[in-house]
Amino acid sequence: MNQTKFIFFDVGGVLILDFSNTDKWSQMKSDLGVTKKTDEAFESVWQKYQYRRGIDYDIDNMIPELHEKTGLVFPKKYSMLDDFISRFEVNSYIWPVVRKAQKLGKKVGMLTNMYPRMLSSIQKAGLMQDIKWDLIIDSSVVGFEKPNPKIFELAEQKTGLKPEEIMFIDNMSSNTEVAIKRGWQTFTYDDQNPEKASEELTKIL
């Protein structure tokens, strides 16, 4: 018997199709004019903020540093955040799953790693359907990123439920493995085949 009372969905790679398992990052750098000669410097700046991007560092703040280190000339009013979002895609297959979960009486939420301002920008861009979420756990708001166990602990506390009553949908096994250790039910979503993944997920709701 399915004990699930609350289902958390990841955003990138589940609710939307982001850069996960694609060449979009390389394409974005190429479009910005990054070459083999400047790629190392570009990546050095990008990785410098690896542990803050999903917590408290606005990625648009690194544009002057990227210019200084690589010599790249960015367009006026260029936003790296907006550039990312313009390359994201709608995942039309997941929304019937979310709505079915709600019809079955389950609560639904988002548990996601986001850059500051990213989630609201994704919503404004129309990449996600208008869903009444019961709970949103955004890393840039709560100060913890997956797979840090603290973000799962917080999410669990917020639901007020037993671990076995929570399901977590994510496209990265490194994240679902942490949820499994807490006793949650999980589903690793295949972002390379969202239609099939959504069909399989529907069957276990």
N, C-alpha and C. Protein backbone atom coordinates (compact mmCIF):
# COMPACT_ATOMS: atom_id res chain seq x y z
N MET A 1 0.85 -1.20 0.00
CA MET A 1 0.00 0.00 0.00
C MET A 1 0.88 1.25 0.00
N ASN A 2 0.57 2.20 -0.86
CA ASN A 2 1.34 3.43 -0.96
C ASN A 2 0.99 4.35 0.22
N GLN A 3 2.00 4.63 1.05
CA GLN A 3 1.78 5.46 2.23
C GLN A 3 2.00 6.94 1.97
N THR A 4 2.37 7.28 0.75
CA THR A 4 2.78 8.65 0.45
C THR A 4 1.67 9.67 0.72
N LYS A 5 2.04 10.69 1.49
CA LYS A 5 1.11 11.79 1.76
C LYS A 5 1.64 13.11 1.20
N PHE A 6 2.95 13.15 0.95
CA PHE A 6 3.56 14.38 0.45
C PHE A 6 4.61 14.01 -0.60
N ILE A 7 4.57 14.70 -1.74
CA ILE A 7 5.54 14.45 -2.80
C ILE A 7 6.32 15.73 -3.09
N PHE A 8 7.64 15.64 -2.95
CA PHE A 8 8.52 16.75 -3.31
C PHE A 8 9.07 16.52 -4.71
N PHE A 9 8.98 17.54 -5.54
CA PHE A 9 9.53 17.50 -6.90
C PHE A 9 10.75 18.41 -6.98
N ASP A 10 11.81 17.92 -7.59
CA ASP A 10 12.93 18.78 -7.95
C ASP A 10 12.46 19.67 -9.11
N VAL A 11 13.15 20.79 -9.32
CA VAL A 11 12.79 21.66 -10.44
C VAL A 11 13.63 21.32 -11.67
N GLY A 12 14.93 21.66 -11.65
CA GLY A 12 15.78 21.41 -12.81
C GLY A 12 15.97 19.93 -13.08
N GLY A 13 15.54 19.49 -14.25
CA GLY A 13 15.67 18.08 -14.60
C GLY A 13 14.42 17.28 -14.32
N VAL A 14 13.43 17.91 -13.67
CA VAL A 14 12.16 17.23 -13.40
C VAL A 14 10.99 18.13 -13.84
N LEU A 15 10.74 19.20 -13.09
CA LEU A 15 9.63 20.08 -13.46
C LEU A 15 9.94 20.88 -14.73
N ILE A 16 11.22 21.17 -14.94
CA ILE A 16 11.65 21.78 -16.20
C ILE A 16 12.89 21.02 -16.68
N LEU A 17 13.22 21.20 -17.93
CA LEU A 17 14.42 20.58 -18.49
C LEU A 17 15.49 21.66 -18.58
N ASP A 18 16.48 21.55 -17.72
CA ASP A 18 17.50 22.59 -17.63
C ASP A 18 18.77 22.17 -18.38
N PHE A 19 19.93 22.37 -17.78
CA PHE A 19 21.19 22.01 -18.44
C PHE A 19 21.61 20.58 -18.15
N SER A 20 20.88 19.89 -17.30
CA SER A 20 21.26 18.54 -16.88
C SER A 20 21.42 17.60 -18.07
N ASN A 21 22.58 16.95 -18.14
CA ASN A 21 22.86 15.95 -19.18
C ASN A 21 22.70 16.50 -20.60
N THR A 22 23.09 17.76 -20.78
CA THR A 22 23.05 18.38 -22.11
C THR A 22 24.38 19.08 -22.37
N ASP A 23 24.51 19.65 -23.56
CA ASP A 23 25.70 20.45 -23.88
C ASP A 23 25.38 21.95 -23.83
N LYS A 24 24.31 22.29 -23.12
CA LYS A 24 23.86 23.69 -23.09
C LYS A 24 24.88 24.62 -22.43
N TRP A 25 25.62 24.12 -21.45
CA TRP A 25 26.63 24.95 -20.80
C TRP A 25 27.74 25.30 -21.80
N SER A 26 28.19 24.32 -22.55
CA SER A 26 29.22 24.56 -23.57
C SER A 26 28.70 25.51 -24.64
N GLN A 27 27.43 25.34 -25.01
CA GLN A 27 26.84 26.21 -26.03
C GLN A 27 26.71 27.64 -25.53
N MET A 28 26.34 27.78 -24.26
CA MET A 28 26.21 29.11 -23.67
C MET A 28 27.56 29.82 -23.66
N LYS A 29 28.60 29.10 -23.26
CA LYS A 29 29.94 29.69 -23.24
C LYS A 29 30.38 30.07 -24.65
N SER A 30 30.10 29.21 -25.59
CA SER A 30 30.46 29.50 -26.98
C SER A 30 29.75 30.75 -27.48
N ASP A 31 28.47 30.88 -27.15
CA ASP A 31 27.70 32.05 -27.57
C ASP A 31 28.24 33.34 -26.94
N LEU A 32 28.85 33.20 -25.76
CA LEU A 32 29.43 34.37 -25.09
C LEU A 32 30.81 34.72 -25.65
N GLY A 33 31.35 33.83 -26.47
CA GLY A 33 32.65 34.09 -27.05
C GLY A 33 33.81 33.44 -26.33
N VAL A 34 33.50 32.51 -25.42
CA VAL A 34 34.56 31.80 -24.71
C VAL A 34 35.26 30.85 -25.69
N THR A 35 36.58 30.90 -25.70
CA THR A 35 37.38 30.06 -26.59
C THR A 35 38.19 29.07 -25.76
N LYS A 36 38.90 28.18 -26.43
CA LYS A 36 39.77 27.24 -25.72
C LYS A 36 40.79 28.00 -24.88
N LYS A 37 41.20 29.14 -25.38
CA LYS A 37 42.21 29.94 -24.69
C LYS A 37 41.67 30.59 -23.42
N THR A 38 40.40 30.96 -23.44
CA THR A 38 39.82 31.66 -22.29
C THR A 38 38.94 30.78 -21.40
N ASP A 39 38.74 29.54 -21.82
CA ASP A 39 37.82 28.65 -21.08
C ASP A 39 38.30 28.38 -19.66
N GLU A 40 39.59 28.18 -19.49
CA GLU A 40 40.12 27.87 -18.15
C GLU A 40 39.87 29.03 -17.19
N ALA A 41 40.10 30.26 -17.66
CA ALA A 41 39.88 31.43 -16.82
C ALA A 41 38.39 31.60 -16.51
N PHE A 42 37.55 31.35 -17.50
CA PHE A 42 36.10 31.45 -17.31
C PHE A 42 35.64 30.44 -16.25
N GLU A 43 36.08 29.20 -16.40
CA GLU A 43 35.68 28.15 -15.47
C GLU A 43 36.23 28.40 -14.07
N SER A 44 37.40 29.01 -13.99
CA SER A 44 37.99 29.32 -12.70
C SER A 44 37.11 30.28 -11.91
N VAL A 45 36.61 31.30 -12.59
CA VAL A 45 35.72 32.26 -11.93
C VAL A 45 34.40 31.58 -11.56
N TRP A 46 33.86 30.79 -12.48
CA TRP A 46 32.59 30.11 -12.24
C TRP A 46 32.68 29.17 -11.04
N GLN A 47 33.75 28.38 -10.99
CA GLN A 47 33.91 27.41 -9.91
C GLN A 47 34.25 28.08 -8.57
N LYS A 48 34.78 29.27 -8.63
CA LYS A 48 35.12 30.02 -7.41
C LYS A 48 33.90 30.16 -6.50
N TYR A 49 32.73 30.26 -7.10
CA TYR A 49 31.50 30.47 -6.34
C TYR A 49 30.62 29.22 -6.29
N GLN A 50 31.24 28.07 -6.50
CA GLN A 50 30.51 26.81 -6.57
C GLN A 50 29.62 26.56 -5.35
N TYR A 51 30.15 26.86 -4.17
CA TYR A 51 29.41 26.56 -2.95
C TYR A 51 28.54 27.72 -2.46
N ARG A 52 28.47 28.77 -3.26
CA ARG A 52 27.62 29.91 -2.88
C ARG A 52 26.53 30.20 -3.90
N ARG A 53 26.70 29.70 -5.14
CA ARG A 53 25.74 30.02 -6.20
C ARG A 53 24.32 29.61 -5.84
N GLY A 54 24.18 28.47 -5.19
CA GLY A 54 22.85 27.99 -4.83
C GLY A 54 22.43 28.39 -3.43
N ILE A 55 23.19 29.30 -2.82
CA ILE A 55 22.90 29.72 -1.45
C ILE A 55 22.63 31.22 -1.38
N ASP A 56 23.69 32.01 -1.64
CA ASP A 56 23.53 33.45 -1.41
C ASP A 56 24.26 34.33 -2.41
N TYR A 57 24.80 33.73 -3.48
CA TYR A 57 25.58 34.53 -4.43
C TYR A 57 24.82 34.69 -5.74
N ASP A 58 24.51 35.92 -6.10
CA ASP A 58 23.81 36.21 -7.35
C ASP A 58 24.79 36.08 -8.51
N ILE A 59 24.53 35.18 -9.43
CA ILE A 59 25.50 34.91 -10.49
C ILE A 59 25.75 36.11 -11.41
N ASP A 60 24.83 37.04 -11.46
CA ASP A 60 25.07 38.24 -12.27
C ASP A 60 26.19 39.10 -11.69
N ASN A 61 26.49 38.89 -10.42
CA ASN A 61 27.56 39.67 -9.79
C ASN A 61 28.95 39.25 -10.26
N MET A 62 29.05 38.10 -10.91
CA MET A 62 30.37 37.67 -11.37
C MET A 62 30.71 38.17 -12.78
N ILE A 63 29.77 38.84 -13.42
CA ILE A 63 30.01 39.31 -14.79
C ILE A 63 31.23 40.24 -14.89
N PRO A 64 31.38 41.23 -14.00
CA PRO A 64 32.58 42.08 -14.07
C PRO A 64 33.87 41.28 -13.89
N GLU A 65 33.85 40.29 -13.01
CA GLU A 65 35.04 39.47 -12.78
C GLU A 65 35.34 38.60 -13.99
N LEU A 66 34.31 38.08 -14.62
CA LEU A 66 34.51 37.29 -15.84
C LEU A 66 35.12 38.16 -16.94
N HIS A 67 34.66 39.38 -17.03
CA HIS A 67 35.21 40.32 -18.02
C HIS A 67 36.69 40.59 -17.73
N GLU A 68 36.98 40.81 -16.46
CA GLU A 68 38.36 41.12 -16.06
C GLU A 68 39.30 39.95 -16.33
N LYS A 69 38.87 38.74 -16.02
CA LYS A 69 39.74 37.57 -16.12
C LYS A 69 39.84 37.00 -17.54
N THR A 70 38.80 37.20 -18.34
CA THR A 70 38.78 36.58 -19.67
C THR A 70 38.85 37.57 -20.82
N GLY A 71 38.53 38.84 -20.53
CA GLY A 71 38.50 39.83 -21.60
C GLY A 71 37.21 39.81 -22.39
N LEU A 72 36.26 38.97 -21.98
CA LEU A 72 34.98 38.91 -22.68
C LEU A 72 34.23 40.23 -22.54
N VAL A 73 33.60 40.64 -23.62
CA VAL A 73 32.78 41.85 -23.59
C VAL A 73 31.32 41.41 -23.62
N PHE A 74 30.62 41.64 -22.54
CA PHE A 74 29.23 41.22 -22.43
C PHE A 74 28.31 42.31 -22.98
N PRO A 75 27.20 41.91 -23.58
CA PRO A 75 26.23 42.91 -24.07
C PRO A 75 25.72 43.79 -22.93
N LYS A 76 25.33 45.00 -23.25
CA LYS A 76 24.76 45.88 -22.24
C LYS A 76 23.51 45.23 -21.65
N LYS A 77 23.35 45.37 -20.35
CA LYS A 77 22.22 44.81 -19.62
C LYS A 77 22.17 43.28 -19.68
N TYR A 78 23.31 42.66 -20.01
CA TYR A 78 23.35 41.20 -20.04
C TYR A 78 23.13 40.63 -18.65
N SER A 79 22.32 39.59 -18.58
CA SER A 79 22.08 38.87 -17.33
C SER A 79 22.40 37.40 -17.54
N MET A 80 23.35 36.89 -16.78
CA MET A 80 23.68 35.47 -16.88
C MET A 80 22.49 34.63 -16.42
N LEU A 81 21.79 35.11 -15.42
CA LEU A 81 20.61 34.39 -14.93
C LEU A 81 19.57 34.26 -16.03
N ASP A 82 19.28 35.37 -16.70
CA ASP A 82 18.29 35.34 -17.78
C ASP A 82 18.76 34.47 -18.94
N ASP A 83 20.07 34.46 -19.18
CA ASP A 83 20.63 33.64 -20.25
C ASP A 83 20.38 32.16 -19.96
N PHE A 84 20.63 31.77 -18.72
CA PHE A 84 20.35 30.39 -18.31
C PHE A 84 18.89 30.05 -18.59
N ILE A 85 18.00 30.88 -18.07
CA ILE A 85 16.58 30.58 -18.12
C ILE A 85 16.06 30.54 -19.56
N SER A 86 16.64 31.36 -20.43
CA SER A 86 16.20 31.37 -21.83
C SER A 86 16.52 30.05 -22.53
N ARG A 87 17.44 29.27 -21.95
CA ARG A 87 17.83 27.99 -22.54
C ARG A 87 17.12 26.80 -21.90
N PHE A 88 16.39 27.05 -20.83
CA PHE A 88 15.60 25.98 -20.20
C PHE A 88 14.40 25.65 -21.08
N GLU A 89 13.87 24.45 -20.88
CA GLU A 89 12.72 24.01 -21.68
C GLU A 89 11.59 23.50 -20.79
N VAL A 90 10.39 23.62 -21.31
CA VAL A 90 9.20 23.11 -20.62
C VAL A 90 9.24 21.59 -20.64
N ASN A 91 8.87 20.98 -19.53
CA ASN A 91 8.66 19.53 -19.49
C ASN A 91 7.16 19.28 -19.40
N SER A 92 6.53 19.13 -20.54
CA SER A 92 5.07 19.00 -20.58
C SER A 92 4.58 17.67 -19.99
N TYR A 93 5.47 16.70 -19.88
CA TYR A 93 5.06 15.37 -19.42
C TYR A 93 4.86 15.29 -17.91
N ILE A 94 5.47 16.17 -17.16
CA ILE A 94 5.44 16.04 -15.70
C ILE A 94 4.17 16.61 -15.07
N TRP A 95 3.53 17.57 -15.73
CA TRP A 95 2.42 18.26 -15.08
C TRP A 95 1.18 17.41 -14.86
N PRO A 96 0.84 16.49 -15.77
CA PRO A 96 -0.26 15.58 -15.46
C PRO A 96 0.03 14.72 -14.23
N VAL A 97 1.31 14.43 -13.99
CA VAL A 97 1.70 13.65 -12.81
C VAL A 97 1.43 14.46 -11.54
N VAL A 98 1.84 15.73 -11.57
CA VAL A 98 1.63 16.60 -10.40
C VAL A 98 0.14 16.73 -10.10
N ARG A 99 -0.65 16.94 -11.14
CA ARG A 99 -2.09 17.13 -10.94
C ARG A 99 -2.77 15.84 -10.49
N LYS A 100 -2.30 14.71 -10.97
CA LYS A 100 -2.87 13.44 -10.52
C LYS A 100 -2.58 13.23 -9.03
N ALA A 101 -1.36 13.58 -8.63
CA ALA A 101 -1.00 13.45 -7.21
C ALA A 101 -1.95 14.28 -6.34
N GLN A 102 -2.25 15.49 -6.80
CA GLN A 102 -3.16 16.34 -6.06
C GLN A 102 -4.57 15.75 -6.02
N LYS A 103 -5.01 15.20 -7.14
CA LYS A 103 -6.35 14.59 -7.19
C LYS A 103 -6.46 13.39 -6.26
N LEU A 104 -5.32 12.73 -6.05
CA LEU A 104 -5.29 11.58 -5.14
C LEU A 104 -5.23 12.01 -3.68
N GLY A 105 -5.21 13.33 -3.46
CA GLY A 105 -5.21 13.85 -2.10
C GLY A 105 -3.84 14.02 -1.48
N LYS A 106 -2.81 13.91 -2.30
CA LYS A 106 -1.45 14.08 -1.79
C LYS A 106 -1.03 15.54 -1.87
N LYS A 107 -0.27 15.98 -0.90
CA LYS A 107 0.27 17.33 -0.96
C LYS A 107 1.52 17.32 -1.83
N VAL A 108 1.78 18.45 -2.47
CA VAL A 108 2.93 18.53 -3.38
C VAL A 108 3.79 19.75 -3.06
N GLY A 109 5.08 19.58 -3.25
CA GLY A 109 6.00 20.68 -2.98
C GLY A 109 7.21 20.62 -3.89
N MET A 110 8.01 21.66 -3.82
CA MET A 110 9.28 21.70 -4.55
C MET A 110 10.42 21.63 -3.55
N LEU A 111 11.41 20.83 -3.87
CA LEU A 111 12.64 20.73 -3.07
C LEU A 111 13.78 20.87 -4.07
N THR A 112 14.38 22.06 -4.12
CA THR A 112 15.23 22.37 -5.26
C THR A 112 16.44 23.22 -4.92
N ASN A 113 17.51 22.99 -5.66
CA ASN A 113 18.68 23.87 -5.60
C ASN A 113 18.48 24.97 -6.64
N MET A 114 18.47 26.20 -6.19
CA MET A 114 18.24 27.33 -7.08
C MET A 114 19.24 28.44 -6.80
N TYR A 115 19.64 29.15 -7.85
CA TYR A 115 20.40 30.37 -7.66
C TYR A 115 19.44 31.44 -7.14
N PRO A 116 19.94 32.43 -6.42
CA PRO A 116 19.06 33.52 -5.99
C PRO A 116 18.30 34.13 -7.17
N ARG A 117 17.03 34.34 -7.00
CA ARG A 117 16.11 34.93 -7.99
C ARG A 117 15.70 33.97 -9.09
N MET A 118 16.28 32.78 -9.13
CA MET A 118 16.04 31.91 -10.27
C MET A 118 14.63 31.32 -10.30
N LEU A 119 14.13 30.86 -9.17
CA LEU A 119 12.83 30.20 -9.17
C LEU A 119 11.72 31.15 -9.63
N SER A 120 11.72 32.36 -9.10
CA SER A 120 10.69 33.32 -9.50
C SER A 120 10.83 33.68 -10.98
N SER A 121 12.07 33.74 -11.47
CA SER A 121 12.30 34.05 -12.88
C SER A 121 11.82 32.91 -13.78
N ILE A 122 12.01 31.68 -13.34
CA ILE A 122 11.52 30.52 -14.09
C ILE A 122 10.00 30.57 -14.19
N GLN A 123 9.37 30.89 -13.08
CA GLN A 123 7.91 30.97 -13.06
C GLN A 123 7.41 32.10 -13.97
N LYS A 124 8.08 33.24 -13.93
CA LYS A 124 7.68 34.37 -14.77
C LYS A 124 7.88 34.06 -16.25
N ALA A 125 8.85 33.21 -16.56
CA ALA A 125 9.14 32.85 -17.95
C ALA A 125 8.11 31.87 -18.52
N GLY A 126 7.21 31.40 -17.68
CA GLY A 126 6.17 30.49 -18.15
C GLY A 126 6.63 29.06 -18.36
N LEU A 127 7.72 28.69 -17.71
CA LEU A 127 8.26 27.34 -17.87
C LEU A 127 7.54 26.31 -16.99
N MET A 128 6.79 26.81 -16.03
CA MET A 128 6.08 25.93 -15.11
C MET A 128 4.59 26.27 -15.11
N GLN A 129 3.76 25.26 -14.94
CA GLN A 129 2.33 25.49 -14.88
C GLN A 129 1.94 26.07 -13.52
N ASP A 130 0.77 26.66 -13.49
CA ASP A 130 0.28 27.31 -12.28
C ASP A 130 -0.28 26.26 -11.33
N ILE A 131 0.54 25.89 -10.38
CA ILE A 131 0.18 24.86 -9.40
C ILE A 131 0.16 25.49 -8.01
N LYS A 132 -0.80 25.09 -7.20
CA LYS A 132 -0.82 25.54 -5.81
C LYS A 132 0.07 24.60 -5.00
N TRP A 133 1.30 25.03 -4.76
CA TRP A 133 2.25 24.21 -4.02
C TRP A 133 1.99 24.32 -2.52
N ASP A 134 2.07 23.20 -1.85
CA ASP A 134 1.86 23.20 -0.40
C ASP A 134 3.11 23.64 0.35
N LEU A 135 4.27 23.45 -0.27
CA LEU A 135 5.52 23.80 0.39
C LEU A 135 6.62 23.96 -0.66
N ILE A 136 7.44 24.99 -0.50
CA ILE A 136 8.57 25.21 -1.40
C ILE A 136 9.85 25.32 -0.56
N ILE A 137 10.78 24.42 -0.82
CA ILE A 137 12.08 24.45 -0.17
C ILE A 137 13.10 24.81 -1.24
N ASP A 138 13.55 26.06 -1.21
CA ASP A 138 14.47 26.62 -2.21
C ASP A 138 15.81 26.84 -1.52
N SER A 139 16.87 26.23 -2.03
CA SER A 139 18.19 26.31 -1.38
C SER A 139 18.64 27.75 -1.15
N SER A 140 18.33 28.64 -2.10
CA SER A 140 18.79 30.03 -1.98
C SER A 140 18.00 30.80 -0.92
N VAL A 141 16.93 30.20 -0.43
CA VAL A 141 16.13 30.81 0.64
C VAL A 141 16.47 30.19 1.99
N VAL A 142 16.61 28.87 2.02
CA VAL A 142 16.83 28.19 3.30
C VAL A 142 18.31 28.08 3.68
N GLY A 143 19.21 28.26 2.70
CA GLY A 143 20.64 28.28 3.01
C GLY A 143 21.34 26.93 3.00
N PHE A 144 20.67 25.90 2.48
CA PHE A 144 21.29 24.58 2.33
C PHE A 144 20.99 24.05 0.94
N GLU A 145 21.96 23.35 0.36
CA GLU A 145 21.77 22.74 -0.95
C GLU A 145 21.73 21.23 -0.84
N LYS A 146 20.95 20.60 -1.70
CA LYS A 146 21.07 19.15 -1.87
C LYS A 146 22.48 18.87 -2.40
N PRO A 147 23.15 17.83 -1.97
CA PRO A 147 22.65 16.73 -1.13
C PRO A 147 22.91 16.90 0.37
N ASN A 148 23.08 18.12 0.85
CA ASN A 148 23.27 18.34 2.28
C ASN A 148 22.07 17.78 3.04
N PRO A 149 22.28 16.85 3.96
CA PRO A 149 21.16 16.25 4.70
C PRO A 149 20.29 17.28 5.42
N LYS A 150 20.85 18.45 5.72
CA LYS A 150 20.10 19.46 6.47
C LYS A 150 18.87 19.96 5.70
N ILE A 151 18.96 20.01 4.37
CA ILE A 151 17.82 20.51 3.60
C ILE A 151 16.69 19.48 3.60
N PHE A 152 17.05 18.20 3.67
CA PHE A 152 16.05 17.14 3.75
C PHE A 152 15.42 17.11 5.14
N GLU A 153 16.24 17.33 6.14
CA GLU A 153 15.74 17.37 7.51
C GLU A 153 14.74 18.52 7.67
N LEU A 154 15.09 19.68 7.11
CA LEU A 154 14.20 20.84 7.17
C LEU A 154 12.88 20.55 6.45
N ALA A 155 12.98 19.98 5.26
CA ALA A 155 11.78 19.66 4.48
C ALA A 155 10.87 18.71 5.25
N GLU A 156 11.48 17.72 5.86
CA GLU A 156 10.71 16.74 6.63
C GLU A 156 10.01 17.40 7.81
N GLN A 157 10.73 18.27 8.50
CA GLN A 157 10.14 18.99 9.64
C GLN A 157 8.95 19.84 9.19
N LYS A 158 9.10 20.48 8.04
CA LYS A 158 8.05 21.36 7.54
C LYS A 158 6.77 20.59 7.19
N THR A 159 6.91 19.35 6.74
CA THR A 159 5.72 18.56 6.39
C THR A 159 5.00 18.05 7.63
N GLY A 160 5.76 17.82 8.70
CA GLY A 160 5.17 17.27 9.91
C GLY A 160 4.81 15.80 9.77
N LEU A 161 5.40 15.14 8.76
CA LEU A 161 5.05 13.75 8.48
C LEU A 161 6.19 12.79 8.84
N LYS A 162 5.87 11.51 8.85
CA LYS A 162 6.88 10.48 9.05
C LYS A 162 7.68 10.35 7.75
N PRO A 163 8.95 9.95 7.84
CA PRO A 163 9.79 9.82 6.63
C PRO A 163 9.16 8.95 5.55
N GLU A 164 8.57 7.84 5.95
CA GLU A 164 8.01 6.91 4.96
C GLU A 164 6.77 7.46 4.26
N GLU A 165 6.25 8.59 4.74
CA GLU A 165 5.07 9.20 4.13
C GLU A 165 5.45 10.26 3.09
N ILE A 166 6.75 10.44 2.88
CA ILE A 166 7.25 11.45 1.95
C ILE A 166 7.91 10.78 0.75
N MET A 167 7.62 11.30 -0.43
CA MET A 167 8.29 10.84 -1.65
C MET A 167 9.05 12.01 -2.26
N PHE A 168 10.22 11.71 -2.82
CA PHE A 168 11.07 12.73 -3.41
C PHE A 168 11.42 12.33 -4.84
N ILE A 169 11.16 13.24 -5.78
CA ILE A 169 11.45 13.01 -7.19
C ILE A 169 12.61 13.90 -7.61
N ASP A 170 13.70 13.30 -8.05
CA ASP A 170 14.88 14.07 -8.45
C ASP A 170 15.56 13.34 -9.61
N ASN A 171 16.29 14.08 -10.43
CA ASN A 171 16.98 13.45 -11.56
C ASN A 171 18.40 13.03 -11.22
N MET A 172 18.83 13.27 -9.98
CA MET A 172 20.20 12.92 -9.58
C MET A 172 20.18 11.91 -8.44
N SER A 173 20.80 10.77 -8.67
CA SER A 173 20.81 9.72 -7.64
C SER A 173 21.56 10.16 -6.39
N SER A 174 22.51 11.09 -6.53
CA SER A 174 23.25 11.57 -5.36
C SER A 174 22.31 12.28 -4.39
N ASN A 175 21.21 12.81 -4.91
CA ASN A 175 20.22 13.46 -4.05
C ASN A 175 19.20 12.47 -3.51
N THR A 176 18.73 11.57 -4.36
CA THR A 176 17.73 10.60 -3.89
C THR A 176 18.33 9.64 -2.85
N GLU A 177 19.63 9.39 -2.96
CA GLU A 177 20.29 8.49 -1.99
C GLU A 177 20.23 9.06 -0.57
N VAL A 178 20.35 10.37 -0.45
CA VAL A 178 20.27 11.00 0.87
C VAL A 178 18.86 10.87 1.42
N ALA A 179 17.87 11.04 0.55
CA ALA A 179 16.48 10.90 0.97
C ALA A 179 16.18 9.47 1.41
N ILE A 180 16.74 8.51 0.69
CA ILE A 180 16.55 7.09 1.05
C ILE A 180 17.09 6.82 2.45
N LYS A 181 18.24 7.40 2.77
CA LYS A 181 18.84 7.21 4.09
C LYS A 181 17.96 7.76 5.20
N ARG A 182 17.13 8.76 4.86
CA ARG A 182 16.21 9.33 5.85
C ARG A 182 14.94 8.50 5.95
N GLY A 183 14.77 7.53 5.05
CA GLY A 183 13.58 6.70 5.09
C GLY A 183 12.48 7.15 4.15
N TRP A 184 12.80 8.13 3.28
CA TRP A 184 11.82 8.61 2.31
C TRP A 184 11.68 7.61 1.17
N GLN A 185 10.54 7.67 0.51
CA GLN A 185 10.37 6.99 -0.77
C GLN A 185 10.98 7.91 -1.84
N THR A 186 11.55 7.33 -2.88
CA THR A 186 12.17 8.16 -3.91
C THR A 186 11.90 7.61 -5.31
N PHE A 187 12.10 8.49 -6.27
CA PHE A 187 12.03 8.11 -7.68
C PHE A 187 13.08 8.94 -8.41
N THR A 188 14.03 8.25 -9.06
CA THR A 188 15.06 8.96 -9.83
C THR A 188 14.54 9.16 -11.24
N TYR A 189 14.30 10.41 -11.57
CA TYR A 189 13.64 10.80 -12.83
C TYR A 189 14.66 10.87 -13.96
N ASP A 190 14.36 10.21 -15.06
CA ASP A 190 15.26 10.20 -16.22
C ASP A 190 14.97 11.42 -17.10
N ASP A 191 15.81 12.46 -16.97
CA ASP A 191 15.56 13.68 -17.74
C ASP A 191 15.89 13.51 -19.22
N GLN A 192 16.50 12.38 -19.59
CA GLN A 192 16.76 12.11 -21.00
C GLN A 192 15.54 11.50 -21.69
N ASN A 193 14.62 10.99 -20.90
CA ASN A 193 13.39 10.42 -21.44
C ASN A 193 12.23 10.79 -20.52
N PRO A 194 11.87 12.08 -20.50
CA PRO A 194 10.85 12.55 -19.56
C PRO A 194 9.46 11.94 -19.77
N GLU A 195 9.15 11.56 -21.00
CA GLU A 195 7.84 10.95 -21.26
C GLU A 195 7.74 9.60 -20.55
N LYS A 196 8.74 8.76 -20.74
CA LYS A 196 8.73 7.44 -20.10
C LYS A 196 8.84 7.57 -18.58
N ALA A 197 9.70 8.48 -18.12
CA ALA A 197 9.87 8.67 -16.68
C ALA A 197 8.56 9.10 -16.03
N SER A 198 7.84 9.98 -16.69
CA SER A 198 6.56 10.46 -16.15
C SER A 198 5.52 9.35 -16.13
N GLU A 199 5.53 8.51 -17.15
CA GLU A 199 4.60 7.37 -17.20
C GLU A 199 4.87 6.42 -16.04
N GLU A 200 6.15 6.14 -15.81
CA GLU A 200 6.54 5.23 -14.72
C GLU A 200 6.18 5.82 -13.36
N LEU A 201 6.39 7.11 -13.23
CA LEU A 201 6.08 7.79 -11.97
C LEU A 201 4.59 7.76 -11.68
N THR A 202 3.79 7.96 -12.71
CA THR A 202 2.34 7.96 -12.55
C THR A 202 1.85 6.63 -11.98
N LYS A 203 2.48 5.55 -12.39
CA LYS A 203 2.05 4.21 -11.97
C LYS A 203 2.28 3.94 -10.49
N ILE A 204 3.23 4.66 -9.88
CA ILE A 204 3.55 4.36 -8.47
C ILE A 204 2.96 5.38 -7.49
N LEU A 205 2.21 6.34 -8.01
CA LEU A 205 1.61 7.34 -7.10
C LEU A 205 0.61 6.68 -6.15
